Amino acid sequence: MRGHWLVLARIALLAITVLALVVYIAGTPANVAWFNSLHTDCLDICMTAATVQSLHALGIPITIFAVYWTSVNLLFALTYFGVAALIFWHKPDDWMGLLASFSLVTLGAAFPSVPAALVDVYPGGTPRRNMFDVFGQCKVSKKRLWACK
């Protein structure tokens, strides 16, 4: 990759990396708050009534649980970002190095639950919850994949 395409690819990678880091910096307090609140349905590790009872039986405070899982999520994201930065530093002119760095940054930004917690804690205008407002009330049905009113 040469010329203006290389410059454009580098700028795009740096912009996406900065945006992902800003989301993580802003989302860390939201992630701690999300782990401190009770949930009934979640796909990831979250605070349920059974989790609260188990933590109480073990003598572990809820805030320690929240800080621990937030730290684990941040460790995963920072590892992805660090490996992406290392690849970008060693192979800045190689298109495969830029692609690998871009993939690691986007996977590291999407994998842990910090962005999802940011969306759940600050629900105003959330894209995930308002995504189907254009189509009306949509839900999964047995006959069709999406059933909308």
N, C-alpha and C. Protein backbone atom coordinates (compact mmCIF):
# COMPACT_ATOMS: atom_id res chain seq x y z
N MET A 1 0.85 -1.16 0.00
CA MET A 1 0.00 0.00 0.00
C MET A 1 0.90 1.23 0.00
N ARG A 2 0.57 2.19 -0.86
CA ARG A 2 1.41 3.37 -0.99
C ARG A 2 0.55 4.61 -1.14
N GLY A 3 1.21 5.75 -1.00
CA GLY A 3 0.59 7.03 -1.32
C GLY A 3 -0.55 7.42 -0.41
N HIS A 4 -1.56 8.03 -1.03
CA HIS A 4 -2.66 8.58 -0.25
C HIS A 4 -3.54 7.49 0.36
N TRP A 5 -3.57 6.27 -0.22
CA TRP A 5 -4.34 5.18 0.37
C TRP A 5 -3.73 4.74 1.70
N LEU A 6 -2.41 4.74 1.78
CA LEU A 6 -1.73 4.38 3.01
C LEU A 6 -2.02 5.41 4.10
N VAL A 7 -1.95 6.68 3.72
CA VAL A 7 -2.23 7.75 4.69
C VAL A 7 -3.68 7.67 5.15
N LEU A 8 -4.60 7.43 4.23
CA LEU A 8 -6.02 7.32 4.57
C LEU A 8 -6.28 6.13 5.49
N ALA A 9 -5.64 5.00 5.22
CA ALA A 9 -5.81 3.82 6.07
C ALA A 9 -5.26 4.06 7.47
N ARG A 10 -4.12 4.71 7.57
CA ARG A 10 -3.56 5.02 8.88
C ARG A 10 -4.45 5.97 9.67
N ILE A 11 -4.96 7.00 9.00
CA ILE A 11 -5.84 7.96 9.68
C ILE A 11 -7.11 7.27 10.14
N ALA A 12 -7.68 6.40 9.31
CA ALA A 12 -8.90 5.68 9.69
C ALA A 12 -8.64 4.77 10.89
N LEU A 13 -7.53 4.06 10.88
CA LEU A 13 -7.20 3.18 11.99
C LEU A 13 -6.99 3.98 13.28
N LEU A 14 -6.28 5.07 13.20
CA LEU A 14 -6.06 5.89 14.39
C LEU A 14 -7.35 6.51 14.90
N ALA A 15 -8.23 6.93 13.98
CA ALA A 15 -9.52 7.53 14.40
C ALA A 15 -10.39 6.49 15.10
N ILE A 16 -10.45 5.29 14.56
CA ILE A 16 -11.26 4.24 15.19
C ILE A 16 -10.66 3.83 16.54
N THR A 17 -9.35 3.80 16.63
CA THR A 17 -8.70 3.47 17.90
C THR A 17 -9.00 4.53 18.96
N VAL A 18 -8.89 5.79 18.59
CA VAL A 18 -9.18 6.87 19.54
C VAL A 18 -10.64 6.82 19.97
N LEU A 19 -11.55 6.59 19.03
CA LEU A 19 -12.96 6.50 19.36
C LEU A 19 -13.22 5.33 20.32
N ALA A 20 -12.62 4.19 20.07
CA ALA A 20 -12.79 3.03 20.95
C ALA A 20 -12.24 3.31 22.34
N LEU A 21 -11.10 3.97 22.43
CA LEU A 21 -10.53 4.31 23.74
C LEU A 21 -11.40 5.31 24.49
N VAL A 22 -11.98 6.27 23.78
CA VAL A 22 -12.87 7.24 24.42
C VAL A 22 -14.11 6.53 24.97
N VAL A 23 -14.65 5.57 24.20
CA VAL A 23 -15.81 4.81 24.67
C VAL A 23 -15.44 4.03 25.93
N TYR A 24 -14.27 3.45 25.97
CA TYR A 24 -13.87 2.70 27.15
C TYR A 24 -13.61 3.60 28.35
N ILE A 25 -13.03 4.75 28.14
CA ILE A 25 -12.80 5.67 29.26
C ILE A 25 -14.13 6.17 29.80
N ALA A 26 -15.05 6.53 28.89
CA ALA A 26 -16.37 7.00 29.33
C ALA A 26 -17.22 5.85 29.88
N GLY A 27 -17.02 4.64 29.39
CA GLY A 27 -17.85 3.52 29.78
C GLY A 27 -17.42 2.78 31.02
N THR A 28 -16.24 3.04 31.53
CA THR A 28 -15.79 2.32 32.71
C THR A 28 -16.66 2.59 33.93
N PRO A 29 -16.99 3.84 34.28
CA PRO A 29 -17.92 4.04 35.40
C PRO A 29 -19.30 3.45 35.14
N ALA A 30 -19.75 3.49 33.88
CA ALA A 30 -21.05 2.90 33.55
C ALA A 30 -21.01 1.38 33.72
N ASN A 31 -19.88 0.77 33.39
CA ASN A 31 -19.75 -0.67 33.56
C ASN A 31 -19.78 -1.06 35.03
N VAL A 32 -19.12 -0.30 35.87
CA VAL A 32 -19.16 -0.57 37.31
C VAL A 32 -20.60 -0.41 37.82
N ALA A 33 -21.30 0.63 37.37
CA ALA A 33 -22.69 0.83 37.78
C ALA A 33 -23.58 -0.30 37.26
N TRP A 34 -23.32 -0.78 36.05
CA TRP A 34 -24.11 -1.88 35.49
C TRP A 34 -23.92 -3.16 36.30
N PHE A 35 -22.68 -3.44 36.72
CA PHE A 35 -22.44 -4.63 37.53
C PHE A 35 -22.99 -4.48 38.94
N ASN A 36 -23.22 -3.26 39.40
CA ASN A 36 -23.79 -3.05 40.73
C ASN A 36 -25.31 -3.13 40.75
N SER A 37 -25.96 -3.16 39.59
CA SER A 37 -27.41 -3.21 39.55
C SER A 37 -27.89 -4.63 39.21
N LEU A 38 -29.09 -4.95 39.69
CA LEU A 38 -29.65 -6.28 39.46
C LEU A 38 -30.23 -6.40 38.06
N HIS A 39 -30.06 -7.58 37.46
CA HIS A 39 -30.59 -7.88 36.13
C HIS A 39 -31.29 -9.23 36.18
N THR A 40 -32.30 -9.39 35.33
CA THR A 40 -33.00 -10.66 35.28
C THR A 40 -32.64 -11.46 34.04
N ASP A 41 -32.35 -10.77 32.96
CA ASP A 41 -32.00 -11.47 31.72
C ASP A 41 -30.74 -10.86 31.13
N CYS A 42 -29.71 -11.66 31.05
CA CYS A 42 -28.46 -11.18 30.47
C CYS A 42 -27.72 -12.37 29.87
N LEU A 43 -26.96 -12.08 28.85
CA LEU A 43 -26.19 -13.13 28.19
C LEU A 43 -24.80 -13.28 28.77
N ASP A 44 -24.32 -12.22 29.39
CA ASP A 44 -22.97 -12.18 29.93
C ASP A 44 -23.06 -12.33 31.45
N ILE A 45 -21.94 -12.21 32.11
CA ILE A 45 -21.92 -12.24 33.56
C ILE A 45 -22.56 -10.96 34.07
N CYS A 46 -23.55 -11.11 34.94
CA CYS A 46 -24.23 -9.93 35.47
C CYS A 46 -24.70 -10.22 36.88
N MET A 47 -25.24 -9.21 37.52
CA MET A 47 -25.70 -9.31 38.89
C MET A 47 -27.16 -9.76 38.91
N THR A 48 -27.37 -11.00 39.30
CA THR A 48 -28.73 -11.52 39.47
C THR A 48 -28.95 -11.77 40.96
N ALA A 49 -30.16 -12.14 41.31
CA ALA A 49 -30.46 -12.41 42.72
C ALA A 49 -29.63 -13.59 43.22
N ALA A 50 -29.44 -14.59 42.38
CA ALA A 50 -28.62 -15.74 42.77
C ALA A 50 -27.16 -15.34 42.95
N THR A 51 -26.68 -14.45 42.10
CA THR A 51 -25.30 -13.97 42.24
C THR A 51 -25.12 -13.20 43.53
N VAL A 52 -26.09 -12.38 43.88
CA VAL A 52 -26.02 -11.61 45.13
C VAL A 52 -25.99 -12.55 46.32
N GLN A 53 -26.83 -13.58 46.29
CA GLN A 53 -26.84 -14.56 47.39
C GLN A 53 -25.52 -15.31 47.48
N SER A 54 -24.97 -15.70 46.34
CA SER A 54 -23.69 -16.41 46.35
C SER A 54 -22.56 -15.53 46.87
N LEU A 55 -22.53 -14.28 46.42
CA LEU A 55 -21.49 -13.36 46.90
C LEU A 55 -21.63 -13.10 48.39
N HIS A 56 -22.87 -12.96 48.86
CA HIS A 56 -23.10 -12.73 50.29
C HIS A 56 -22.66 -13.96 51.10
N ALA A 57 -22.94 -15.15 50.60
CA ALA A 57 -22.52 -16.37 51.30
C ALA A 57 -21.00 -16.49 51.36
N LEU A 58 -20.32 -16.00 50.32
CA LEU A 58 -18.86 -16.05 50.31
C LEU A 58 -18.21 -14.87 51.03
N GLY A 59 -19.02 -13.88 51.39
CA GLY A 59 -18.49 -12.70 52.08
C GLY A 59 -17.80 -11.72 51.15
N ILE A 60 -18.16 -11.73 49.87
CA ILE A 60 -17.55 -10.82 48.88
C ILE A 60 -18.51 -9.66 48.65
N PRO A 61 -18.05 -8.42 48.82
CA PRO A 61 -18.92 -7.27 48.55
C PRO A 61 -19.25 -7.16 47.06
N ILE A 62 -20.41 -6.59 46.79
CA ILE A 62 -20.87 -6.44 45.40
C ILE A 62 -19.93 -5.51 44.63
N THR A 63 -19.41 -4.49 45.29
CA THR A 63 -18.51 -3.56 44.59
C THR A 63 -17.22 -4.25 44.16
N ILE A 64 -16.74 -5.19 44.96
CA ILE A 64 -15.54 -5.95 44.57
C ILE A 64 -15.84 -6.77 43.32
N PHE A 65 -17.01 -7.39 43.25
CA PHE A 65 -17.44 -8.13 42.07
C PHE A 65 -17.48 -7.20 40.85
N ALA A 66 -18.05 -6.02 41.02
CA ALA A 66 -18.17 -5.07 39.91
C ALA A 66 -16.80 -4.59 39.44
N VAL A 67 -15.94 -4.24 40.37
CA VAL A 67 -14.61 -3.75 40.00
C VAL A 67 -13.78 -4.87 39.37
N TYR A 68 -13.93 -6.09 39.86
CA TYR A 68 -13.19 -7.22 39.30
C TYR A 68 -13.57 -7.44 37.84
N TRP A 69 -14.87 -7.54 37.54
CA TRP A 69 -15.29 -7.83 36.17
C TRP A 69 -15.03 -6.66 35.24
N THR A 70 -15.12 -5.44 35.75
CA THR A 70 -14.75 -4.29 34.93
C THR A 70 -13.27 -4.32 34.60
N SER A 71 -12.45 -4.69 35.58
CA SER A 71 -11.00 -4.80 35.34
C SER A 71 -10.68 -5.91 34.34
N VAL A 72 -11.38 -7.03 34.42
CA VAL A 72 -11.16 -8.12 33.47
C VAL A 72 -11.53 -7.66 32.06
N ASN A 73 -12.66 -6.98 31.91
CA ASN A 73 -13.06 -6.47 30.60
C ASN A 73 -12.05 -5.47 30.05
N LEU A 74 -11.58 -4.58 30.89
CA LEU A 74 -10.59 -3.60 30.45
C LEU A 74 -9.26 -4.26 30.10
N LEU A 75 -8.89 -5.29 30.83
CA LEU A 75 -7.66 -6.01 30.53
C LEU A 75 -7.73 -6.67 29.15
N PHE A 76 -8.88 -7.28 28.84
CA PHE A 76 -9.06 -7.85 27.50
C PHE A 76 -8.95 -6.78 26.42
N ALA A 77 -9.65 -5.68 26.62
CA ALA A 77 -9.64 -4.62 25.60
C ALA A 77 -8.25 -4.03 25.44
N LEU A 78 -7.56 -3.76 26.54
CA LEU A 78 -6.22 -3.19 26.46
C LEU A 78 -5.22 -4.17 25.83
N THR A 79 -5.43 -5.46 26.04
CA THR A 79 -4.56 -6.45 25.38
C THR A 79 -4.75 -6.40 23.88
N TYR A 80 -6.01 -6.35 23.43
CA TYR A 80 -6.28 -6.24 22.00
C TYR A 80 -5.68 -4.96 21.43
N PHE A 81 -5.88 -3.84 22.14
CA PHE A 81 -5.35 -2.56 21.67
C PHE A 81 -3.82 -2.57 21.66
N GLY A 82 -3.21 -3.18 22.67
CA GLY A 82 -1.76 -3.24 22.73
C GLY A 82 -1.15 -4.06 21.60
N VAL A 83 -1.76 -5.21 21.31
CA VAL A 83 -1.26 -6.04 20.20
C VAL A 83 -1.46 -5.31 18.87
N ALA A 84 -2.60 -4.62 18.73
CA ALA A 84 -2.83 -3.84 17.51
C ALA A 84 -1.79 -2.73 17.37
N ALA A 85 -1.46 -2.06 18.46
CA ALA A 85 -0.45 -1.00 18.41
C ALA A 85 0.93 -1.57 18.07
N LEU A 86 1.24 -2.74 18.61
CA LEU A 86 2.52 -3.37 18.32
C LEU A 86 2.63 -3.75 16.84
N ILE A 87 1.57 -4.31 16.28
CA ILE A 87 1.57 -4.65 14.86
C ILE A 87 1.66 -3.39 14.00
N PHE A 88 0.90 -2.37 14.38
CA PHE A 88 0.93 -1.10 13.63
C PHE A 88 2.31 -0.46 13.68
N TRP A 89 2.99 -0.58 14.81
CA TRP A 89 4.31 0.02 14.98
C TRP A 89 5.36 -0.71 14.13
N HIS A 90 5.26 -2.05 14.08
CA HIS A 90 6.26 -2.83 13.34
C HIS A 90 5.98 -2.91 11.84
N LYS A 91 4.72 -2.85 11.44
CA LYS A 91 4.36 -2.99 10.03
C LYS A 91 3.44 -1.85 9.58
N PRO A 92 3.89 -0.60 9.64
CA PRO A 92 3.00 0.51 9.28
C PRO A 92 2.75 0.63 7.78
N ASP A 93 3.59 0.04 6.94
CA ASP A 93 3.42 0.15 5.49
C ASP A 93 2.76 -1.08 4.87
N ASP A 94 2.56 -2.13 5.64
CA ASP A 94 2.01 -3.38 5.13
C ASP A 94 0.49 -3.38 5.29
N TRP A 95 -0.23 -3.68 4.22
CA TRP A 95 -1.68 -3.65 4.28
C TRP A 95 -2.21 -4.74 5.20
N MET A 96 -1.51 -5.87 5.29
CA MET A 96 -1.95 -6.94 6.19
C MET A 96 -1.77 -6.55 7.65
N GLY A 97 -0.69 -5.81 7.94
CA GLY A 97 -0.50 -5.30 9.29
C GLY A 97 -1.58 -4.30 9.68
N LEU A 98 -1.96 -3.43 8.73
CA LEU A 98 -3.04 -2.48 9.01
C LEU A 98 -4.38 -3.19 9.19
N LEU A 99 -4.62 -4.22 8.38
CA LEU A 99 -5.86 -4.99 8.50
C LEU A 99 -5.91 -5.74 9.83
N ALA A 100 -4.80 -6.32 10.22
CA ALA A 100 -4.75 -7.03 11.51
C ALA A 100 -4.95 -6.06 12.67
N SER A 101 -4.33 -4.89 12.59
CA SER A 101 -4.51 -3.89 13.64
C SER A 101 -5.96 -3.42 13.71
N PHE A 102 -6.55 -3.17 12.55
CA PHE A 102 -7.95 -2.75 12.50
C PHE A 102 -8.86 -3.82 13.08
N SER A 103 -8.61 -5.08 12.74
CA SER A 103 -9.43 -6.18 13.25
C SER A 103 -9.30 -6.31 14.76
N LEU A 104 -8.09 -6.19 15.27
CA LEU A 104 -7.90 -6.30 16.71
C LEU A 104 -8.55 -5.15 17.46
N VAL A 105 -8.46 -3.93 16.92
CA VAL A 105 -9.08 -2.79 17.59
C VAL A 105 -10.60 -2.93 17.61
N THR A 106 -11.19 -3.32 16.48
CA THR A 106 -12.64 -3.44 16.45
C THR A 106 -13.13 -4.62 17.28
N LEU A 107 -12.40 -5.73 17.29
CA LEU A 107 -12.79 -6.85 18.13
C LEU A 107 -12.61 -6.51 19.60
N GLY A 108 -11.53 -5.85 19.94
CA GLY A 108 -11.31 -5.45 21.32
C GLY A 108 -12.34 -4.44 21.81
N ALA A 109 -12.85 -3.63 20.90
CA ALA A 109 -13.87 -2.65 21.28
C ALA A 109 -15.25 -3.28 21.39
N ALA A 110 -15.50 -4.35 20.66
CA ALA A 110 -16.83 -4.94 20.64
C ALA A 110 -16.97 -6.13 21.58
N PHE A 111 -15.87 -6.78 21.93
CA PHE A 111 -15.96 -8.03 22.69
C PHE A 111 -16.37 -7.84 24.15
N PRO A 112 -15.67 -7.05 24.93
CA PRO A 112 -16.06 -6.92 26.34
C PRO A 112 -17.36 -6.15 26.50
N SER A 113 -17.90 -6.16 27.70
CA SER A 113 -19.23 -5.61 27.93
C SER A 113 -19.23 -4.13 28.30
N VAL A 114 -18.13 -3.43 28.20
CA VAL A 114 -18.10 -2.01 28.55
C VAL A 114 -18.99 -1.17 27.64
N PRO A 115 -18.93 -1.31 26.30
CA PRO A 115 -19.85 -0.53 25.46
C PRO A 115 -21.32 -0.88 25.69
N ALA A 116 -21.62 -2.17 25.92
CA ALA A 116 -23.00 -2.57 26.18
C ALA A 116 -23.50 -1.98 27.50
N ALA A 117 -22.63 -1.93 28.50
CA ALA A 117 -23.03 -1.33 29.77
C ALA A 117 -23.26 0.16 29.62
N LEU A 118 -22.47 0.81 28.79
CA LEU A 118 -22.66 2.24 28.53
C LEU A 118 -24.02 2.49 27.90
N VAL A 119 -24.44 1.62 27.01
CA VAL A 119 -25.75 1.75 26.37
C VAL A 119 -26.86 1.47 27.36
N ASP A 120 -26.68 0.48 28.24
CA ASP A 120 -27.72 0.12 29.19
C ASP A 120 -27.88 1.13 30.32
N VAL A 121 -26.77 1.70 30.78
CA VAL A 121 -26.85 2.64 31.90
C VAL A 121 -27.38 3.99 31.45
N TYR A 122 -27.03 4.42 30.25
CA TYR A 122 -27.53 5.69 29.72
C TYR A 122 -28.50 5.39 28.57
N PRO A 123 -29.77 5.09 28.89
CA PRO A 123 -30.68 4.58 27.86
C PRO A 123 -31.21 5.63 26.89
N GLY A 124 -31.03 6.89 27.12
CA GLY A 124 -31.58 7.90 26.23
C GLY A 124 -30.95 7.86 24.86
N GLY A 125 -31.75 7.52 23.84
CA GLY A 125 -31.24 7.52 22.47
C GLY A 125 -30.32 6.36 22.16
N THR A 126 -30.48 5.26 22.86
CA THR A 126 -29.60 4.13 22.61
C THR A 126 -29.90 3.50 21.27
N PRO A 127 -28.89 3.24 20.46
CA PRO A 127 -29.14 2.65 19.15
C PRO A 127 -29.64 1.21 19.25
N ARG A 128 -29.20 0.48 20.26
CA ARG A 128 -29.59 -0.92 20.36
C ARG A 128 -31.07 -1.05 20.69
N ARG A 129 -31.59 -0.20 21.55
CA ARG A 129 -32.99 -0.29 21.93
C ARG A 129 -33.90 0.42 20.96
N ASN A 130 -33.43 1.45 20.30
CA ASN A 130 -34.27 2.22 19.39
C ASN A 130 -34.09 1.80 17.94
N MET A 131 -33.35 0.72 17.71
CA MET A 131 -33.05 0.31 16.35
C MET A 131 -34.31 -0.05 15.57
N PHE A 132 -35.29 -0.65 16.23
CA PHE A 132 -36.48 -1.11 15.53
C PHE A 132 -37.65 -0.13 15.67
N ASP A 133 -37.43 1.07 16.21
CA ASP A 133 -38.51 2.04 16.31
C ASP A 133 -39.01 2.47 14.95
N VAL A 134 -38.15 2.43 13.94
CA VAL A 134 -38.55 2.79 12.58
C VAL A 134 -39.56 1.78 12.06
N PHE A 135 -39.39 0.52 12.44
CA PHE A 135 -40.24 -0.55 11.95
C PHE A 135 -41.45 -0.80 12.84
N GLY A 136 -41.56 -0.15 13.98
CA GLY A 136 -42.62 -0.44 14.93
C GLY A 136 -42.11 -1.43 15.96
N GLN A 137 -43.02 -2.02 16.66
CA GLN A 137 -42.65 -3.01 17.68
C GLN A 137 -42.35 -4.33 16.99
N CYS A 138 -41.10 -4.73 17.01
CA CYS A 138 -40.69 -5.97 16.37
C CYS A 138 -40.26 -6.98 17.41
N LYS A 139 -40.55 -8.24 17.15
CA LYS A 139 -40.09 -9.30 18.04
C LYS A 139 -39.87 -10.56 17.23
N VAL A 140 -39.16 -11.49 17.82
CA VAL A 140 -38.89 -12.75 17.16
C VAL A 140 -40.11 -13.64 17.31
N SER A 141 -40.53 -14.25 16.23
CA SER A 141 -41.66 -15.18 16.29
C SER A 141 -41.24 -16.53 15.74
N LYS A 142 -42.08 -17.54 15.97
CA LYS A 142 -41.75 -18.89 15.50
C LYS A 142 -41.97 -19.03 14.00
N LYS A 143 -42.97 -18.33 13.45
CA LYS A 143 -43.27 -18.46 12.04
C LYS A 143 -42.33 -17.68 11.17
N ARG A 144 -42.01 -16.44 11.60
CA ARG A 144 -41.09 -15.60 10.84
C ARG A 144 -39.97 -15.18 11.76
N LEU A 145 -38.89 -14.73 11.17
CA LEU A 145 -37.77 -14.30 12.01
C LEU A 145 -38.14 -13.06 12.81
N TRP A 146 -38.78 -12.07 12.17
CA TRP A 146 -39.19 -10.85 12.86
C TRP A 146 -40.68 -10.65 12.61
N ALA A 147 -41.41 -10.37 13.66
CA ALA A 147 -42.83 -10.04 13.54
C ALA A 147 -43.00 -8.62 14.04
N CYS A 148 -43.43 -7.73 13.17
CA CYS A 148 -43.58 -6.31 13.51
C CYS A 148 -45.04 -5.89 13.42
N LYS A 149 -45.44 -5.01 14.33
CA LYS A 149 -46.80 -4.46 14.29
C LYS A 149 -46.92 -3.40 13.24
